[in-house]
All heavy atoms as atom14 arrays in JSON, in Angstrom:
{
  "sequence": "VFDKHLAMEAGREGVEIRIKTQAKGLKKEEDGSYTVTCECMGEVFD",
  "atom14_mask": [
    [1, 1, 1, 1, 1, 1, 1, 0, 0, 0, 0, 0, 0, 0],
    [1, 1, 1, 1, 1, 1, 1, 1, 1, 1, 1, 0, 0, 0],
    [1, 1, 1, 1, 1, 1, 1, 1, 0, 0, 0, 0, 0, 0],
    [1, 1, 1, 1, 1, 1, 1, 1, 1, 0, 0, 0, 0, 0],
    [1, 1, 1, 1, 1, 1, 1, 1, 1, 1, 0, 0, 0, 0],
    [1, 1, 1, 1, 1, 1, 1, 1, 0, 0, 0, 0, 0, 0],
    [1, 1, 1, 1, 1, 0, 0, 0, 0, 0, 0, 0, 0, 0],
    [1, 1, 1, 1, 1, 1, 1, 1, 0, 0, 0, 0, 0, 0],
    [1, 1, 1, 1, 1, 1, 1, 1, 1, 0, 0, 0, 0, 0],
    [1, 1, 1, 1, 1, 0, 0, 0, 0, 0, 0, 0, 0, 0],
    [1, 1, 1, 1, 0, 0, 0, 0, 0, 0, 0, 0, 0, 0],
    [1, 1, 1, 1, 1, 1, 1, 1, 1, 1, 1, 0, 0, 0],
    [1, 1, 1, 1, 1, 1, 1, 1, 1, 0, 0, 0, 0, 0],
    [1, 1, 1, 1, 0, 0, 0, 0, 0, 0, 0, 0, 0, 0],
    [1, 1, 1, 1, 1, 1, 1, 0, 0, 0, 0, 0, 0, 0],
    [1, 1, 1, 1, 1, 1, 1, 1, 1, 0, 0, 0, 0, 0],
    [1, 1, 1, 1, 1, 1, 1, 1, 0, 0, 0, 0, 0, 0],
    [1, 1, 1, 1, 1, 1, 1, 1, 1, 1, 1, 0, 0, 0],
    [1, 1, 1, 1, 1, 1, 1, 1, 0, 0, 0, 0, 0, 0],
    [1, 1, 1, 1, 1, 1, 1, 1, 1, 0, 0, 0, 0, 0],
    [1, 1, 1, 1, 1, 1, 1, 0, 0, 0, 0, 0, 0, 0],
    [1, 1, 1, 1, 1, 1, 1, 1, 1, 0, 0, 0, 0, 0],
    [1, 1, 1, 1, 1, 0, 0, 0, 0, 0, 0, 0, 0, 0],
    [1, 1, 1, 1, 1, 1, 1, 1, 1, 0, 0, 0, 0, 0],
    [1, 1, 1, 1, 0, 0, 0, 0, 0, 0, 0, 0, 0, 0],
    [1, 1, 1, 1, 1, 1, 1, 1, 0, 0, 0, 0, 0, 0],
    [1, 1, 1, 1, 1, 1, 1, 1, 1, 0, 0, 0, 0, 0],
    [1, 1, 1, 1, 1, 1, 1, 1, 1, 0, 0, 0, 0, 0],
    [1, 1, 1, 1, 1, 1, 1, 1, 1, 0, 0, 0, 0, 0],
    [1, 1, 1, 1, 1, 1, 1, 1, 1, 0, 0, 0, 0, 0],
    [1, 1, 1, 1, 1, 1, 1, 1, 0, 0, 0, 0, 0, 0],
    [1, 1, 1, 1, 0, 0, 0, 0, 0, 0, 0, 0, 0, 0],
    [1, 1, 1, 1, 1, 1, 0, 0, 0, 0, 0, 0, 0, 0],
    [1, 1, 1, 1, 1, 1, 1, 1, 1, 1, 1, 1, 0, 0],
    [1, 1, 1, 1, 1, 1, 1, 0, 0, 0, 0, 0, 0, 0],
    [1, 1, 1, 1, 1, 1, 1, 0, 0, 0, 0, 0, 0, 0],
    [1, 1, 1, 1, 1, 1, 1, 0, 0, 0, 0, 0, 0, 0],
    [1, 1, 1, 1, 1, 1, 0, 0, 0, 0, 0, 0, 0, 0],
    [1, 1, 1, 1, 1, 1, 1, 1, 1, 0, 0, 0, 0, 0],
    [1, 1, 1, 1, 1, 1, 0, 0, 0, 0, 0, 0, 0, 0],
    [1, 1, 1, 1, 1, 1, 1, 1, 0, 0, 0, 0, 0, 0],
    [1, 1, 1, 1, 0, 0, 0, 0, 0, 0, 0, 0, 0, 0],
    [1, 1, 1, 1, 1, 1, 1, 1, 1, 0, 0, 0, 0, 0],
    [1, 1, 1, 1, 1, 1, 1, 0, 0, 0, 0, 0, 0, 0],
    [1, 1, 1, 1, 1, 1, 1, 1, 1, 1, 1, 0, 0, 0],
    [1, 1, 1, 1, 1, 1, 1, 1, 0, 0, 0, 0, 0, 0]
  ],
  "atom14_positions": [
    [[54.14, 142.84, 95.85], [54.19, 143.44, 97.19], [54.73, 142.42, 98.19], [55.57, 142.74, 99.04], [52.8, 143.94, 97.61], [52.86, 144.61, 98.99], [52.24, 144.91, 96.57], [0.0, 0.0, 0.0], [0.0, 0.0, 0.0], [0.0, 0.0, 0.0], [0.0, 0.0, 0.0], [0.0, 0.0, 0.0], [0.0, 0.0, 0.0], [0.0, 0.0, 0.0]],
    [[54.27, 141.18, 98.11], [54.65, 140.13, 99.05], [56.15, 139.85, 99.0], [56.83, 139.81, 100.04], [53.87, 138.85, 98.71], [54.22, 137.66, 99.55], [53.85, 137.6, 100.89], [54.89, 136.57, 99.0], [54.15, 136.49, 101.67], [55.18, 135.46, 99.77], [54.82, 135.42, 101.1], [0.0, 0.0, 0.0], [0.0, 0.0, 0.0], [0.0, 0.0, 0.0]],
    [[56.68, 139.66, 97.79], [58.11, 139.35, 97.66], [58.96, 140.49, 98.21], [59.98, 140.26, 98.89], [58.47, 139.11, 96.2], [57.98, 137.76, 95.68], [57.07, 137.19, 96.31], [58.51, 137.29, 94.65], [0.0, 0.0, 0.0], [0.0, 0.0, 0.0], [0.0, 0.0, 0.0], [0.0, 0.0, 0.0], [0.0, 0.0, 0.0], [0.0, 0.0, 0.0]],
    [[58.56, 141.71, 97.92], [59.31, 142.86, 98.41], [59.25, 142.93, 99.94], [60.23, 143.24, 100.61], [58.76, 144.14, 97.79], [59.67, 145.36, 97.94], [59.09, 146.58, 97.26], [59.03, 146.42, 95.76], [58.55, 147.66, 95.09], [0.0, 0.0, 0.0], [0.0, 0.0, 0.0], [0.0, 0.0, 0.0], [0.0, 0.0, 0.0], [0.0, 0.0, 0.0]],
    [[58.07, 142.6, 100.48], [57.89, 142.6, 101.94], [58.82, 141.58, 102.59], [59.44, 141.87, 103.63], [56.44, 142.29, 102.29], [56.15, 142.27, 103.75], [55.76, 143.39, 104.45], [56.23, 141.28, 104.66], [55.59, 143.08, 105.72], [55.87, 141.79, 105.87], [0.0, 0.0, 0.0], [0.0, 0.0, 0.0], [0.0, 0.0, 0.0], [0.0, 0.0, 0.0]],
    [[58.95, 140.38, 102.0], [59.85, 139.37, 102.57], [61.3, 139.84, 102.54], [62.06, 139.59, 103.48], [59.71, 138.05, 101.82], [58.38, 137.3, 101.94], [58.48, 135.93, 101.27], [57.96, 137.14, 103.4], [0.0, 0.0, 0.0], [0.0, 0.0, 0.0], [0.0, 0.0, 0.0], [0.0, 0.0, 0.0], [0.0, 0.0, 0.0], [0.0, 0.0, 0.0]],
    [[61.69, 140.52, 101.48], [63.05, 141.07, 101.42], [63.24, 142.15, 102.49], [64.29, 142.23, 103.13], [63.32, 141.64, 100.03], [0.0, 0.0, 0.0], [0.0, 0.0, 0.0], [0.0, 0.0, 0.0], [0.0, 0.0, 0.0], [0.0, 0.0, 0.0], [0.0, 0.0, 0.0], [0.0, 0.0, 0.0], [0.0, 0.0, 0.0], [0.0, 0.0, 0.0]],
    [[62.2, 142.96, 102.69], [62.28, 143.99, 103.74], [62.44, 143.36, 105.12], [63.2, 143.85, 105.96], [61.03, 144.86, 103.7], [60.94, 145.79, 102.51], [59.37, 146.72, 102.52], [59.58, 147.74, 101.06], [0.0, 0.0, 0.0], [0.0, 0.0, 0.0], [0.0, 0.0, 0.0], [0.0, 0.0, 0.0], [0.0, 0.0, 0.0], [0.0, 0.0, 0.0]],
    [[61.71, 142.25, 105.36], [61.85, 141.55, 106.64], [63.27, 141.05, 106.82], [63.82, 141.06, 107.93], [60.85, 140.4, 106.72], [59.4, 140.83, 106.89], [59.15, 141.5, 108.24], [59.76, 141.08, 109.25], [58.37, 142.46, 108.28], [0.0, 0.0, 0.0], [0.0, 0.0, 0.0], [0.0, 0.0, 0.0], [0.0, 0.0, 0.0], [0.0, 0.0, 0.0]],
    [[63.88, 140.59, 105.72], [65.28, 140.16, 105.79], [66.18, 141.35, 106.12], [67.08, 141.25, 106.96], [65.69, 139.52, 104.46], [0.0, 0.0, 0.0], [0.0, 0.0, 0.0], [0.0, 0.0, 0.0], [0.0, 0.0, 0.0], [0.0, 0.0, 0.0], [0.0, 0.0, 0.0], [0.0, 0.0, 0.0], [0.0, 0.0, 0.0], [0.0, 0.0, 0.0]],
    [[65.92, 142.49, 105.46], [66.71, 143.68, 105.73], [66.6, 144.14, 107.17], [67.59, 144.59, 107.77], [0.0, 0.0, 0.0], [0.0, 0.0, 0.0], [0.0, 0.0, 0.0], [0.0, 0.0, 0.0], [0.0, 0.0, 0.0], [0.0, 0.0, 0.0], [0.0, 0.0, 0.0], [0.0, 0.0, 0.0], [0.0, 0.0, 0.0], [0.0, 0.0, 0.0]],
    [[65.42, 144.0, 107.74], [65.23, 144.39, 109.14], [65.98, 143.49, 110.12], [66.21, 143.87, 111.26], [63.73, 144.41, 109.46], [62.97, 145.51, 108.71], [61.49, 145.56, 109.06], [60.82, 146.6, 108.3], [59.9, 146.39, 107.36], [59.51, 145.15, 107.09], [59.36, 147.4, 106.71], [0.0, 0.0, 0.0], [0.0, 0.0, 0.0], [0.0, 0.0, 0.0]],
    [[66.32, 142.29, 109.65], [67.11, 141.38, 110.49], [68.61, 141.6, 110.32], [69.42, 140.88, 110.92], [66.77, 139.92, 110.15], [65.39, 139.47, 110.58], [65.23, 139.36, 112.08], [66.26, 139.4, 112.81], [64.07, 139.24, 112.53], [0.0, 0.0, 0.0], [0.0, 0.0, 0.0], [0.0, 0.0, 0.0], [0.0, 0.0, 0.0], [0.0, 0.0, 0.0]],
    [[68.98, 142.59, 109.49], [70.4, 142.9, 109.32], [71.0, 142.4, 108.03], [72.22, 142.54, 107.81], [0.0, 0.0, 0.0], [0.0, 0.0, 0.0], [0.0, 0.0, 0.0], [0.0, 0.0, 0.0], [0.0, 0.0, 0.0], [0.0, 0.0, 0.0], [0.0, 0.0, 0.0], [0.0, 0.0, 0.0], [0.0, 0.0, 0.0], [0.0, 0.0, 0.0]],
    [[70.19, 141.83, 107.14], [70.7, 141.36, 105.85], [71.05, 142.54, 104.96], [70.28, 143.51, 104.86], [69.65, 140.47, 105.14], [70.1, 140.1, 103.73], [69.38, 139.22, 105.96], [0.0, 0.0, 0.0], [0.0, 0.0, 0.0], [0.0, 0.0, 0.0], [0.0, 0.0, 0.0], [0.0, 0.0, 0.0], [0.0, 0.0, 0.0], [0.0, 0.0, 0.0]],
    [[72.21, 142.5, 104.34], [72.59, 143.51, 103.34], [72.01, 143.09, 102.0], [72.3, 141.99, 101.51], [74.11, 143.62, 103.24], [74.57, 144.63, 102.19], [76.09, 144.67, 102.02], [76.81, 144.18, 102.92], [76.55, 145.17, 100.97], [0.0, 0.0, 0.0], [0.0, 0.0, 0.0], [0.0, 0.0, 0.0], [0.0, 0.0, 0.0], [0.0, 0.0, 0.0]],
    [[71.17, 143.94, 101.42], [70.49, 143.61, 100.17], [71.1, 144.42, 99.03], [71.24, 145.64, 99.13], [68.98, 143.89, 100.27], [68.36, 143.09, 101.42], [68.28, 143.55, 98.95], [66.92, 143.46, 101.71], [0.0, 0.0, 0.0], [0.0, 0.0, 0.0], [0.0, 0.0, 0.0], [0.0, 0.0, 0.0], [0.0, 0.0, 0.0], [0.0, 0.0, 0.0]],
    [[71.44, 143.74, 97.95], [71.99, 144.4, 96.77], [71.12, 144.05, 95.57], [71.09, 142.9, 95.13], [73.44, 143.97, 96.53], [74.42, 144.49, 97.59], [75.8, 143.91, 97.38], [76.78, 144.54, 98.26], [77.74, 145.38, 97.86], [77.85, 145.7, 96.57], [78.58, 145.91, 98.72], [0.0, 0.0, 0.0], [0.0, 0.0, 0.0], [0.0, 0.0, 0.0]],
    [[70.38, 145.02, 95.05], [69.54, 144.8, 93.88], [70.3, 145.16, 92.62], [71.38, 145.77, 92.67], [68.22, 145.59, 93.97], [68.48, 147.08, 94.19], [67.35, 145.05, 95.09], [67.23, 147.93, 94.13], [0.0, 0.0, 0.0], [0.0, 0.0, 0.0], [0.0, 0.0, 0.0], [0.0, 0.0, 0.0], [0.0, 0.0, 0.0], [0.0, 0.0, 0.0]],
    [[69.74, 144.78, 91.48], [70.38, 144.99, 90.18], [71.82, 144.45, 90.19], [72.73, 145.01, 89.59], [70.38, 146.49, 89.82], [70.61, 146.84, 88.36], [69.5, 146.37, 87.45], [69.72, 146.83, 86.02], [68.73, 146.27, 85.09], [0.0, 0.0, 0.0], [0.0, 0.0, 0.0], [0.0, 0.0, 0.0], [0.0, 0.0, 0.0], [0.0, 0.0, 0.0]],
    [[71.98, 143.34, 90.9], [73.3, 142.72, 91.07], [73.24, 141.29, 90.59], [72.51, 140.47, 91.14], [73.74, 142.77, 92.55], [73.8, 144.13, 92.98], [75.1, 142.12, 92.73], [0.0, 0.0, 0.0], [0.0, 0.0, 0.0], [0.0, 0.0, 0.0], [0.0, 0.0, 0.0], [0.0, 0.0, 0.0], [0.0, 0.0, 0.0], [0.0, 0.0, 0.0]],
    [[73.97, 141.0, 89.53], [73.9, 139.68, 88.9], [75.16, 138.88, 89.15], [76.28, 139.38, 89.01], [73.69, 139.84, 87.39], [73.48, 138.5, 86.68], [72.97, 138.68, 85.27], [72.97, 139.79, 84.73], [72.52, 137.61, 84.65], [0.0, 0.0, 0.0], [0.0, 0.0, 0.0], [0.0, 0.0, 0.0], [0.0, 0.0, 0.0], [0.0, 0.0, 0.0]],
    [[74.98, 137.64, 89.57], [76.11, 136.72, 89.7], [76.55, 136.28, 88.31], [75.73, 135.85, 87.5], [75.72, 135.52, 90.55], [0.0, 0.0, 0.0], [0.0, 0.0, 0.0], [0.0, 0.0, 0.0], [0.0, 0.0, 0.0], [0.0, 0.0, 0.0], [0.0, 0.0, 0.0], [0.0, 0.0, 0.0], [0.0, 0.0, 0.0], [0.0, 0.0, 0.0]],
    [[77.83, 136.39, 88.02], [78.35, 136.06, 86.69], [79.16, 134.77, 86.67], [79.45, 134.23, 85.6], [79.23, 137.21, 86.18], [78.56, 138.58, 86.22], [77.38, 138.67, 85.28], [77.82, 138.81, 83.84], [76.67, 139.07, 82.93], [0.0, 0.0, 0.0], [0.0, 0.0, 0.0], [0.0, 0.0, 0.0], [0.0, 0.0, 0.0], [0.0, 0.0, 0.0]],
    [[79.54, 134.29, 87.86], [80.32, 133.06, 87.94], [80.82, 132.88, 89.36], [80.7, 133.78, 90.2], [0.0, 0.0, 0.0], [0.0, 0.0, 0.0], [0.0, 0.0, 0.0], [0.0, 0.0, 0.0], [0.0, 0.0, 0.0], [0.0, 0.0, 0.0], [0.0, 0.0, 0.0], [0.0, 0.0, 0.0], [0.0, 0.0, 0.0], [0.0, 0.0, 0.0]],
    [[81.38, 131.72, 89.64], [81.9, 131.5, 91.0], [83.15, 130.64, 90.96], [83.43, 129.92, 90.0], [80.83, 130.87, 91.9], [80.17, 129.56, 91.51], [81.02, 128.36, 91.89], [78.79, 129.45, 92.19], [0.0, 0.0, 0.0], [0.0, 0.0, 0.0], [0.0, 0.0, 0.0], [0.0, 0.0, 0.0], [0.0, 0.0, 0.0], [0.0, 0.0, 0.0]],
    [[83.9, 130.74, 92.06], [85.15, 130.0, 92.2], [85.2, 129.38, 93.58], [84.89, 130.04, 94.58], [86.34, 130.94, 91.99], [87.71, 130.29, 92.2], [88.82, 131.34, 92.13], [90.18, 130.7, 92.42], [91.26, 131.74, 92.45], [0.0, 0.0, 0.0], [0.0, 0.0, 0.0], [0.0, 0.0, 0.0], [0.0, 0.0, 0.0], [0.0, 0.0, 0.0]],
    [[85.58, 128.13, 93.66], [85.75, 127.44, 94.93], [87.17, 127.69, 95.43], [88.15, 127.38, 94.74], [85.51, 125.94, 94.73], [85.61, 125.09, 95.98], [84.37, 125.21, 96.83], [84.35, 124.1, 97.89], [83.31, 124.3, 98.89], [0.0, 0.0, 0.0], [0.0, 0.0, 0.0], [0.0, 0.0, 0.0], [0.0, 0.0, 0.0], [0.0, 0.0, 0.0]],
    [[87.29, 128.28, 96.63], [88.6, 128.6, 97.19], [89.18, 127.41, 97.95], [88.49, 126.46, 98.28], [88.48, 129.82, 98.12], [87.88, 131.06, 97.47], [88.78, 131.69, 96.42], [89.92, 131.22, 96.22], [88.33, 132.65, 95.77], [0.0, 0.0, 0.0], [0.0, 0.0, 0.0], [0.0, 0.0, 0.0], [0.0, 0.0, 0.0], [0.0, 0.0, 0.0]],
    [[90.48, 127.49, 98.25], [91.16, 126.39, 98.94], [90.58, 126.14, 100.33], [90.59, 125.01, 100.82], [92.66, 126.68, 99.04], [93.39, 126.58, 97.7], [94.9, 126.74, 97.85], [95.37, 126.83, 99.01], [95.6, 126.78, 96.83], [0.0, 0.0, 0.0], [0.0, 0.0, 0.0], [0.0, 0.0, 0.0], [0.0, 0.0, 0.0], [0.0, 0.0, 0.0]],
    [[90.08, 127.19, 100.97], [89.51, 127.02, 102.32], [88.07, 126.52, 102.28], [87.43, 126.4, 103.32], [89.61, 128.33, 103.12], [88.78, 129.46, 102.51], [88.16, 129.25, 101.44], [88.75, 130.56, 103.1], [0.0, 0.0, 0.0], [0.0, 0.0, 0.0], [0.0, 0.0, 0.0], [0.0, 0.0, 0.0], [0.0, 0.0, 0.0], [0.0, 0.0, 0.0]],
    [[87.56, 126.24, 101.07], [86.2, 125.72, 100.93], [85.16, 126.78, 100.62], [84.07, 126.47, 100.15], [0.0, 0.0, 0.0], [0.0, 0.0, 0.0], [0.0, 0.0, 0.0], [0.0, 0.0, 0.0], [0.0, 0.0, 0.0], [0.0, 0.0, 0.0], [0.0, 0.0, 0.0], [0.0, 0.0, 0.0], [0.0, 0.0, 0.0], [0.0, 0.0, 0.0]],
    [[85.47, 128.04, 100.89], [84.51, 129.11, 100.66], [84.32, 129.34, 99.16], [85.08, 128.83, 98.33], [84.99, 130.4, 101.32], [86.18, 130.87, 100.7], [0.0, 0.0, 0.0], [0.0, 0.0, 0.0], [0.0, 0.0, 0.0], [0.0, 0.0, 0.0], [0.0, 0.0, 0.0], [0.0, 0.0, 0.0], [0.0, 0.0, 0.0], [0.0, 0.0, 0.0]],
    [[83.29, 130.12, 98.83], [83.0, 130.45, 97.44], [83.21, 131.95, 97.2], [82.78, 132.78, 98.01], [81.55, 130.1, 97.08], [81.34, 128.65, 96.74], [80.86, 127.76, 97.7], [81.62, 128.16, 95.47], [80.65, 126.41, 97.39], [81.43, 126.82, 95.16], [80.94, 125.96, 96.12], [80.74, 124.64, 95.81], [0.0, 0.0, 0.0], [0.0, 0.0, 0.0]],
    [[83.87, 132.27, 96.1], [83.97, 133.65, 95.65], [83.09, 133.8, 94.41], [83.29, 133.09, 93.42], [85.41, 134.04, 95.33], [86.2, 133.96, 96.53], [85.48, 135.47, 94.8], [0.0, 0.0, 0.0], [0.0, 0.0, 0.0], [0.0, 0.0, 0.0], [0.0, 0.0, 0.0], [0.0, 0.0, 0.0], [0.0, 0.0, 0.0], [0.0, 0.0, 0.0]],
    [[82.13, 134.69, 94.5], [81.18, 134.91, 93.41], [81.49, 136.24, 92.74], [81.58, 137.28, 93.42], [79.73, 134.91, 93.93], [78.75, 135.17, 92.79], [79.4, 133.58, 94.61], [0.0, 0.0, 0.0], [0.0, 0.0, 0.0], [0.0, 0.0, 0.0], [0.0, 0.0, 0.0], [0.0, 0.0, 0.0], [0.0, 0.0, 0.0], [0.0, 0.0, 0.0]],
    [[81.68, 136.2, 91.44], [81.89, 137.43, 90.67], [80.53, 138.03, 90.33], [79.66, 137.35, 89.78], [82.68, 137.15, 89.39], [83.96, 136.61, 89.74], [82.87, 138.42, 88.57], [0.0, 0.0, 0.0], [0.0, 0.0, 0.0], [0.0, 0.0, 0.0], [0.0, 0.0, 0.0], [0.0, 0.0, 0.0], [0.0, 0.0, 0.0], [0.0, 0.0, 0.0]],
    [[80.36, 139.3, 90.68], [79.07, 139.98, 90.5], [79.24, 141.23, 89.64], [80.33, 141.8, 89.55], [78.5, 140.4, 91.86], [78.28, 139.06, 93.03], [0.0, 0.0, 0.0], [0.0, 0.0, 0.0], [0.0, 0.0, 0.0], [0.0, 0.0, 0.0], [0.0, 0.0, 0.0], [0.0, 0.0, 0.0], [0.0, 0.0, 0.0], [0.0, 0.0, 0.0]],
    [[78.13, 141.63, 89.04], [78.12, 142.87, 88.27], [76.9, 143.7, 88.66], [75.78, 143.17, 88.73], [78.08, 142.59, 86.77], [78.1, 143.87, 85.93], [78.06, 143.6, 84.43], [78.08, 142.41, 84.03], [77.98, 144.58, 83.68], [0.0, 0.0, 0.0], [0.0, 0.0, 0.0], [0.0, 0.0, 0.0], [0.0, 0.0, 0.0], [0.0, 0.0, 0.0]],
    [[77.12, 144.97, 88.93], [76.03, 145.9, 89.26], [76.28, 147.23, 88.59], [77.29, 147.9, 88.86], [75.94, 146.08, 90.78], [74.68, 147.28, 91.3], [0.0, 0.0, 0.0], [0.0, 0.0, 0.0], [0.0, 0.0, 0.0], [0.0, 0.0, 0.0], [0.0, 0.0, 0.0], [0.0, 0.0, 0.0], [0.0, 0.0, 0.0], [0.0, 0.0, 0.0]],
    [[75.38, 147.59, 87.69], [75.45, 148.88, 87.0], [76.83, 149.12, 86.37], [77.4, 150.21, 86.44], [75.12, 150.01, 87.98], [73.79, 149.87, 88.7], [72.36, 149.91, 87.59], [72.33, 151.65, 87.14], [0.0, 0.0, 0.0], [0.0, 0.0, 0.0], [0.0, 0.0, 0.0], [0.0, 0.0, 0.0], [0.0, 0.0, 0.0], [0.0, 0.0, 0.0]],
    [[77.37, 148.07, 85.75], [78.65, 148.19, 85.06], [79.86, 147.92, 85.93], [80.97, 147.75, 85.42], [0.0, 0.0, 0.0], [0.0, 0.0, 0.0], [0.0, 0.0, 0.0], [0.0, 0.0, 0.0], [0.0, 0.0, 0.0], [0.0, 0.0, 0.0], [0.0, 0.0, 0.0], [0.0, 0.0, 0.0], [0.0, 0.0, 0.0], [0.0, 0.0, 0.0]],
    [[79.69, 147.88, 87.25], [80.8, 147.61, 88.16], [80.91, 146.11, 88.42], [79.91, 145.45, 88.73], [80.59, 148.34, 89.49], [81.69, 148.08, 90.51], [81.37, 148.62, 91.9], [80.28, 149.21, 92.07], [82.2, 148.42, 92.81], [0.0, 0.0, 0.0], [0.0, 0.0, 0.0], [0.0, 0.0, 0.0], [0.0, 0.0, 0.0], [0.0, 0.0, 0.0]],
    [[82.1, 145.57, 88.3], [82.35, 144.15, 88.56], [83.12, 144.02, 89.87], [84.11, 144.72, 90.09], [83.13, 143.5, 87.4], [83.42, 142.03, 87.71], [82.36, 143.62, 86.09], [0.0, 0.0, 0.0], [0.0, 0.0, 0.0], [0.0, 0.0, 0.0], [0.0, 0.0, 0.0], [0.0, 0.0, 0.0], [0.0, 0.0, 0.0], [0.0, 0.0, 0.0]],
    [[82.67, 143.12, 90.74], [83.32, 142.94, 92.04], [83.08, 141.51, 92.52], [82.24, 140.79, 91.98], [82.79, 143.94, 93.07], [81.3, 143.91, 93.24], [80.71, 143.11, 94.22], [80.46, 144.67, 92.41], [79.33, 143.07, 94.37], [79.08, 144.63, 92.57], [78.51, 143.83, 93.55], [0.0, 0.0, 0.0], [0.0, 0.0, 0.0], [0.0, 0.0, 0.0]],
    [[83.84, 141.1, 93.54], [83.75, 139.75, 94.08], [83.19, 139.76, 95.5], [83.48, 140.67, 96.29], [85.13, 139.08, 94.12], [85.65, 138.76, 92.73], [84.83, 138.59, 91.81], [86.89, 138.69, 92.56], [0.0, 0.0, 0.0], [0.0, 0.0, 0.0], [0.0, 0.0, 0.0], [0.0, 0.0, 0.0], [0.0, 0.0, 0.0], [0.0, 0.0, 0.0]]
  ]
}
């Protein structure tokens, strides 16, 4: 209950929450940012 409540508090502050979403790898871009490859319910996206 506690962990879920903390996530809800984050959501109430405007955080976009994606569950059942696994990070599969990451890439460092030239501008310094990170691109993370994710998978959710069979869909792969960055």
